[in-house]
């Protein structure tokens, strides 16, 4: 299917009147899977290969409809609570991390656990434990109800209070203004988080910062690429699910960078052709839990409507990888050793 032809007046996909410049796509790099998501998805796939179906997964392994549906077809069963997993079964904990009480529940249910928590989330958990032991009040910047926030808060509930943006700062109360530290959810908007931090520092001048930035490298890199695209594209399409925090932040960043319009879609067929009206340049990116096949679908959809010229906008190079969860590595090594012994 080529570009739509005009009926009276310009078609939704037409370039602005009198403008001979071609329509094009700016494709963000990096985009899609980060190292933590890749590790978590592979962990479920390897668990299914190693132990056979079913393998239970507590909460969505990552926040993406397509990924969850694909793993379900392979034999993964997603549950909301550990109590739903039959005694003696295998359960994988999602990339977002879980509170210590969840590990205790799994132990009581005699469950074999595979912890696919992203190592960058684990870092925040360890920071929470360390500062709680030093009797700090911990101000956790994040979104209420998000799995990652629930897991981190569970490490030291008596020390942690949630700050869900600059507007929450006025209500924060601490025991000792000289013993306060901030931590954050890893998938937030960098700019918005720093706004919250600045507001907290105005209230608590001796506020301590974490040893290193809690917002993960992949979140920051994807936001940086979108900032560069948003300054040049009238429309930005972010591929990602609506419960994906980092994907939703990309829409906000695109609008903040100057894009006239920005939308979050799971699949190409969710794009509304009306969005293309008067648009010459479309930016495309995807959240950190999105497989590239979904981006390919969006690029094909746009090409069919005259946006076939694709320019990659590179903000950073990523080469980070994480090893599989230790429980899986142990069993895979044992199986490999057994095969060698048989030979």
Protein backbone atom coordinates (compact mmCIF):
# COMPACT_ATOMS: atom_id res chain seq x y z
CA UNK A 1 0.00 0.00 0.00
CA UNK A 2 1.47 3.36 -1.02
CA UNK A 3 0.86 6.80 0.42
CA UNK A 4 -2.82 7.67 0.68
CA UNK A 5 -4.21 9.77 -2.14
CA UNK A 6 -5.93 13.04 -1.42
CA UNK A 7 -9.68 13.37 -1.36
CA UNK A 8 -10.83 17.01 -1.09
CA UNK A 9 -8.15 18.61 1.09
CA UNK A 10 -4.96 16.87 2.24
CA UNK A 11 -5.12 13.22 3.33
CA UNK A 12 -4.13 12.38 6.91
CA UNK A 13 -0.75 11.13 5.67
CA UNK A 14 -0.01 14.08 3.42
CA UNK A 15 2.88 16.46 3.99
CA UNK A 16 2.04 20.09 4.72
CA UNK A 17 0.58 21.92 1.75
CA UNK A 18 3.18 23.38 -0.61
CA UNK A 19 6.00 21.57 1.20
CA UNK A 20 8.04 19.37 -1.12
CA UNK A 21 10.26 17.96 1.63
CA UNK A 22 9.92 14.18 1.93
CA UNK A 23 8.31 12.47 4.87
CA UNK A 24 10.70 10.58 7.09
CA UNK A 25 11.09 8.56 10.28
CA UNK A 26 13.61 9.28 13.03
CA UNK A 27 14.40 5.98 14.76
CA UNK A 28 15.81 6.26 18.26
CA UNK A 29 18.91 4.38 19.34
CA UNK A 30 19.11 2.91 21.84
CA UNK A 31 15.53 1.62 22.18
CA UNK A 32 13.79 -1.56 23.26
CA UNK A 33 15.21 -4.31 25.43
CA UNK A 34 17.64 -3.31 28.14
CA UNK A 35 20.04 -5.80 29.75
CA UNK A 36 17.76 -6.39 32.75
CA UNK A 37 14.71 -7.17 30.60
CA UNK A 38 16.72 -9.40 28.28
CA UNK A 39 18.02 -11.34 31.29
CA UNK A 40 14.54 -11.74 32.80
CA UNK A 41 12.88 -12.94 29.59
CA UNK A 42 15.71 -15.38 28.84
CA UNK A 43 15.48 -16.63 32.43
CA UNK A 44 11.85 -17.68 31.91
CA UNK A 45 12.64 -19.26 28.53
CA UNK A 46 15.63 -21.18 29.95
CA UNK A 47 13.59 -22.29 32.96
CA UNK A 48 10.94 -23.72 30.64
CA UNK A 49 13.62 -25.55 28.64
CA UNK A 50 15.43 -26.79 31.74
CA UNK A 51 12.52 -27.86 33.95
CA UNK A 52 9.59 -28.12 31.53
CA UNK A 53 6.20 -26.41 31.73
CA UNK A 54 4.60 -25.08 33.74
CA UNK A 55 6.92 -22.49 35.23
CA UNK A 56 5.12 -19.91 37.36
CA UNK A 57 5.99 -16.22 37.19
CA UNK A 58 4.97 -13.80 39.94
CA UNK A 59 3.57 -10.70 38.22
CA UNK A 60 4.38 -9.86 34.61
CA UNK A 61 8.05 -10.74 34.05
CA UNK A 62 8.35 -7.36 32.31
CA UNK A 63 5.64 -4.83 31.51
CA UNK A 64 4.83 -5.80 27.94
CA UNK A 65 1.67 -7.50 26.66
CA UNK A 66 3.37 -9.22 23.72
CA UNK A 67 6.21 -10.65 25.81
CA UNK A 68 3.80 -12.00 28.44
CA UNK A 69 1.52 -13.58 25.81
CA UNK A 70 4.50 -15.17 24.02
CA UNK A 71 5.81 -16.73 27.24
CA UNK A 72 2.31 -17.96 28.16
CA UNK A 73 2.19 -19.85 24.86
CA UNK A 74 5.46 -21.55 25.81
CA UNK A 75 4.06 -22.70 29.17
CA UNK A 76 4.64 -19.87 31.63
CA UNK A 77 1.80 -19.20 34.08
CA UNK A 78 1.60 -15.67 35.44
CA UNK A 79 0.18 -15.16 38.92
CA UNK A 80 -0.38 -12.11 41.08
CA UNK A 81 0.59 -13.64 44.41
CA UNK A 82 3.01 -16.33 45.55
CA UNK A 83 0.16 -18.14 47.34
CA UNK A 84 -1.32 -19.01 43.92
CA UNK A 85 1.69 -21.18 43.05
CA UNK A 86 1.21 -24.91 43.87
CA UNK A 87 3.51 -26.25 46.58
CA UNK A 88 6.82 -27.55 45.28
CA UNK A 89 6.60 -25.68 41.95
CA UNK A 90 9.08 -23.32 40.33
CA UNK A 91 8.39 -19.59 40.54
CA UNK A 92 10.28 -16.80 38.80
CA UNK A 93 10.33 -13.36 40.41
CA UNK A 94 9.95 -10.55 37.88
CA UNK A 95 12.56 -7.99 36.82
CA UNK A 96 10.93 -5.40 39.12
CA UNK A 97 12.03 -7.13 42.31
CA UNK A 98 10.13 -8.34 45.36
CA UNK A 99 10.09 -7.60 49.08
CA UNK A 100 11.77 -9.99 51.56
CA UNK A 101 8.31 -11.16 52.70
CA UNK A 102 7.75 -12.64 49.22
CA UNK A 103 10.91 -14.75 49.53
CA UNK A 104 9.63 -15.92 52.92
CA UNK A 105 6.24 -16.86 51.41
CA UNK A 106 8.01 -18.89 48.72
CA UNK A 107 10.07 -20.71 51.33
CA UNK A 108 6.96 -21.60 53.33
CA UNK A 109 5.34 -22.94 50.15
CA UNK A 110 8.42 -25.07 49.42
CA UNK A 111 8.80 -23.29 46.08
CA UNK A 112 11.96 -23.38 43.99
CA UNK A 113 12.67 -19.74 43.21
CA UNK A 114 14.47 -18.07 40.33
CA UNK A 115 15.09 -14.41 41.10
CA UNK A 116 15.07 -12.44 37.83
CA UNK A 117 15.20 -9.05 39.58
CA UNK A 118 17.18 -6.59 37.47
CA UNK A 119 20.63 -6.13 39.07
CA UNK A 120 20.11 -2.35 38.97
CA UNK A 121 16.94 -2.76 41.04
CA UNK A 122 18.83 -5.06 43.41
CA UNK A 123 21.35 -2.24 43.85
CA UNK A 124 18.57 0.06 45.10
CA UNK A 125 17.33 -2.68 47.45
CA UNK A 126 20.82 -3.01 48.94
CA UNK A 127 21.08 0.76 49.37
CA UNK A 128 17.74 0.76 51.22
CA UNK A 129 18.94 -1.98 53.58
CA UNK A 130 22.25 -0.24 54.23
CA UNK A 131 20.76 3.19 54.97
CA UNK A 132 18.05 1.63 57.15
CA UNK A 133 20.75 -0.11 59.22
CA UNK A 134 22.34 3.31 59.71
CA UNK A 135 18.92 4.56 60.89
CA UNK A 136 18.34 7.02 58.05
CA UNK A 137 14.91 8.18 56.94
CA UNK A 138 14.75 7.06 53.29
CA UNK A 139 12.73 9.13 50.84
CA UNK A 140 11.92 6.85 47.91
CA UNK A 141 11.01 8.80 44.77
CA UNK A 142 8.62 6.70 42.71
CA UNK A 143 5.07 5.91 41.70
CA UNK A 144 2.71 4.45 44.28
CA UNK A 145 1.62 0.90 43.47
CA UNK A 146 4.43 0.16 41.01
CA UNK A 147 5.90 -3.32 41.63
CA UNK A 148 9.43 -1.95 41.91
CA UNK A 149 8.41 0.58 44.58
CA UNK A 150 6.53 -2.10 46.54
CA UNK A 151 9.60 -4.38 46.45
CA UNK A 152 12.06 -1.68 47.51
CA UNK A 153 9.78 -0.35 50.26
CA UNK A 154 9.49 -3.88 51.62
CA UNK A 155 13.22 -3.95 52.40
CA UNK A 156 12.80 -1.41 55.20
CA UNK A 157 9.16 -0.36 55.54
CA UNK A 158 9.70 1.39 58.87
CA UNK A 159 12.36 3.67 57.34
CA UNK A 160 10.98 4.34 53.84
CA UNK A 161 8.37 6.86 52.76
CA UNK A 162 7.27 7.36 49.17
CA UNK A 163 7.60 10.71 47.42
CA UNK A 164 5.55 10.63 44.21
CA UNK A 165 6.81 13.87 42.66
CA UNK A 166 7.59 17.46 43.69
CA UNK A 167 4.02 18.06 44.85
CA UNK A 168 4.48 15.45 47.63
CA UNK A 169 7.52 17.16 49.17
CA UNK A 170 5.57 19.54 51.43
CA UNK A 171 4.01 16.58 53.25
CA UNK A 172 7.28 14.77 54.01
CA UNK A 173 8.16 14.46 57.70
CA UNK A 174 11.44 13.06 59.03
CA UNK A 175 12.81 12.32 62.47
CA UNK A 176 16.20 13.99 61.99
CA UNK A 177 16.86 16.41 59.13
CA UNK A 178 20.56 15.48 59.28
CA UNK A 179 19.87 11.78 58.62
CA UNK A 180 17.82 11.78 55.42
CA UNK A 181 18.68 10.11 52.08
CA UNK A 182 16.81 9.86 48.79
CA UNK A 183 16.58 6.80 46.53
CA UNK A 184 14.47 6.34 43.41
CA UNK A 185 12.58 3.93 41.23
CA UNK A 186 14.88 3.05 38.31
CA UNK A 187 12.44 3.86 35.47
CA UNK A 188 11.49 7.48 36.17
CA UNK A 189 11.95 10.61 34.09
CA UNK A 190 15.42 11.92 34.88
CA UNK A 191 14.29 15.56 34.71
CA UNK A 192 11.22 15.06 36.88
CA UNK A 193 13.22 13.10 39.46
CA UNK A 194 15.77 15.88 39.74
CA UNK A 195 12.93 18.38 40.19
CA UNK A 196 11.77 16.30 43.14
CA UNK A 197 15.31 16.02 44.50
CA UNK A 198 15.77 19.80 44.25
CA UNK A 199 12.50 20.36 46.12
CA UNK A 200 13.60 17.89 48.82
CA UNK A 201 16.97 19.61 49.15
CA UNK A 202 15.23 22.94 49.65
CA UNK A 203 13.40 21.42 52.62
CA UNK A 204 16.29 19.28 53.86
CA UNK A 205 19.62 20.97 53.01
CA UNK A 206 21.63 18.02 54.39
CA UNK A 207 19.76 15.47 52.25
CA UNK A 208 22.13 12.67 51.27
CA UNK A 209 22.18 11.33 47.69
CA UNK A 210 22.72 7.67 46.78
CA UNK A 211 26.32 6.67 45.90
CA UNK A 212 25.34 6.54 42.23
CA UNK A 213 22.25 7.55 40.27
CA UNK A 214 19.40 5.07 40.83
CA UNK A 215 17.73 5.76 37.46
CA UNK A 216 19.08 3.03 35.23
CA UNK A 217 21.42 3.64 32.31
CA UNK A 218 18.87 2.29 29.81
CA UNK A 219 16.10 4.60 31.02
CA UNK A 220 18.44 7.59 30.78
CA UNK A 221 19.75 6.64 27.33
CA UNK A 222 16.26 6.11 25.89
CA UNK A 223 15.12 9.46 27.27
CA UNK A 224 18.19 11.18 25.81
CA UNK A 225 17.48 9.74 22.35
CA UNK A 226 13.84 10.87 22.55
CA UNK A 227 14.90 14.38 23.56
CA UNK A 228 17.00 14.57 20.39
CA UNK A 229 14.14 13.21 18.26
CA UNK A 230 11.41 15.27 19.89
CA UNK A 231 13.19 18.46 18.91
CA UNK A 232 12.93 17.45 15.23
CA UNK A 233 9.73 15.37 14.94
CA UNK A 234 6.16 16.67 14.95
CA UNK A 235 4.87 13.27 16.08
CA UNK A 236 6.59 10.68 18.28
CA UNK A 237 5.29 7.11 18.53
CA UNK A 238 6.48 5.17 21.57
CA UNK A 239 6.01 1.41 21.38
CA UNK A 240 5.24 0.09 24.84
CA UNK A 241 2.51 -1.07 27.21
CA UNK A 242 0.44 1.28 29.33
CA UNK A 243 1.65 -0.27 32.59
CA UNK A 244 5.30 0.30 31.59
CA UNK A 245 6.63 3.22 33.62
CA UNK A 246 9.67 3.85 31.44
CA UNK A 247 7.54 3.77 28.25
CA UNK A 248 5.08 6.32 29.63
CA UNK A 249 7.98 8.57 30.61
CA UNK A 250 9.21 8.51 26.98
CA UNK A 251 5.91 10.04 25.85
CA UNK A 252 6.29 12.81 28.43
CA UNK A 253 9.92 13.44 27.45
CA UNK A 254 8.99 13.65 23.75
CA UNK A 255 6.36 16.30 24.44
CA UNK A 256 8.74 18.18 26.70
CA UNK A 257 11.41 18.17 23.98
CA UNK A 258 9.14 19.91 21.48
CA UNK A 259 7.14 17.21 19.70
CA UNK A 260 3.65 18.45 18.83
CA UNK A 261 2.11 15.07 19.56
CA UNK A 262 3.23 11.79 21.15
CA UNK A 263 1.44 8.50 21.70
CA UNK A 264 2.02 5.15 23.38
CA UNK A 265 0.99 2.03 21.41
CA UNK A 266 1.46 -1.69 21.96
CA UNK A 267 1.09 -2.57 18.28
CA UNK A 268 1.08 -0.81 14.90
CA UNK A 269 -2.66 -1.33 14.45
CA UNK A 270 -3.28 1.01 17.41
CA UNK A 271 -1.87 3.98 15.46
CA UNK A 272 -4.54 6.43 14.33
CA UNK A 273 -3.94 7.76 10.81
CA UNK A 274 -5.35 11.12 11.94
CA UNK A 275 -2.13 11.57 13.97
CA UNK A 276 -0.22 11.90 10.68
CA UNK A 277 -2.11 14.95 9.49
CA UNK A 278 0.38 17.66 8.57
CA UNK A 279 3.26 15.55 9.88
CA UNK A 280 6.47 15.42 7.87
CA UNK A 281 8.73 13.76 10.47
CA UNK A 282 7.73 10.92 12.82
CA UNK A 283 9.93 9.83 15.69
CA UNK A 284 9.80 6.16 16.71
CA UNK A 285 11.18 4.57 19.84
CA UNK A 286 10.29 1.78 22.26
CA UNK A 287 10.38 1.17 25.99
CA UNK A 288 12.97 -1.02 27.69
CA UNK A 289 10.67 -4.07 27.77
CA UNK A 290 9.71 -4.03 24.07
CA UNK A 291 11.01 -6.61 21.55
CA UNK A 292 12.22 -5.23 18.22
CA UNK A 293 9.57 -7.13 16.24
CA UNK A 294 6.96 -4.63 17.50
CA UNK A 295 9.04 -1.66 16.33
CA UNK A 296 9.46 -3.35 12.93
CA UNK A 297 5.67 -3.53 12.68
CA UNK A 298 5.36 0.22 13.30
CA UNK A 299 8.06 1.00 10.72
CA UNK A 300 6.27 -1.14 8.14
CA UNK A 301 2.95 0.58 8.91
CA UNK A 302 4.55 4.00 8.46
CA UNK A 303 6.38 2.97 5.25
CA UNK A 304 3.05 1.91 3.73
CA UNK A 305 1.85 5.46 4.33
CA UNK A 306 4.81 7.21 2.73
CA UNK A 307 7.24 7.33 5.65
CA UNK A 308 9.82 4.96 4.20
CA UNK A 309 12.95 7.09 4.74
CA UNK A 310 14.39 6.07 8.13
CA UNK A 311 17.19 7.97 9.87
CA UNK A 312 18.66 6.56 13.09
CA UNK A 313 19.21 9.06 15.90
CA UNK A 314 21.92 7.63 18.15
CA UNK A 315 22.23 9.05 21.66
CA UNK A 316 24.42 6.35 23.22
CA UNK A 317 25.96 2.94 22.62
CA UNK A 318 24.99 0.12 24.96
CA UNK A 319 27.07 -2.99 25.56
CA UNK A 320 26.01 -3.98 29.08
CA UNK A 321 24.86 -7.56 29.66
CA UNK A 322 23.86 -9.34 32.86
CA UNK A 323 24.43 -13.00 33.65
CA UNK A 324 21.43 -15.27 34.24
CA UNK A 325 20.04 -15.67 37.78
CA UNK A 326 22.36 -17.75 39.95
CA UNK A 327 19.79 -20.54 40.47
CA UNK A 328 19.54 -21.12 36.72
CA UNK A 329 23.31 -20.92 36.20
CA UNK A 330 23.82 -23.55 38.91
CA UNK A 331 21.37 -26.02 37.35
CA UNK A 332 22.56 -25.40 33.79
CA UNK A 333 26.16 -26.02 34.90
CA UNK A 334 25.12 -29.20 36.71
CA UNK A 335 23.33 -30.46 33.59
CA UNK A 336 26.34 -29.65 31.40
CA UNK A 337 28.65 -31.46 33.83
CA UNK A 338 26.36 -34.50 33.83
CA UNK A 339 26.43 -34.61 30.02
CA UNK A 340 30.22 -34.47 30.03
CA UNK A 341 30.35 -37.32 32.57
CA UNK A 342 28.06 -39.45 30.40
CA UNK A 343 30.31 -38.89 27.37
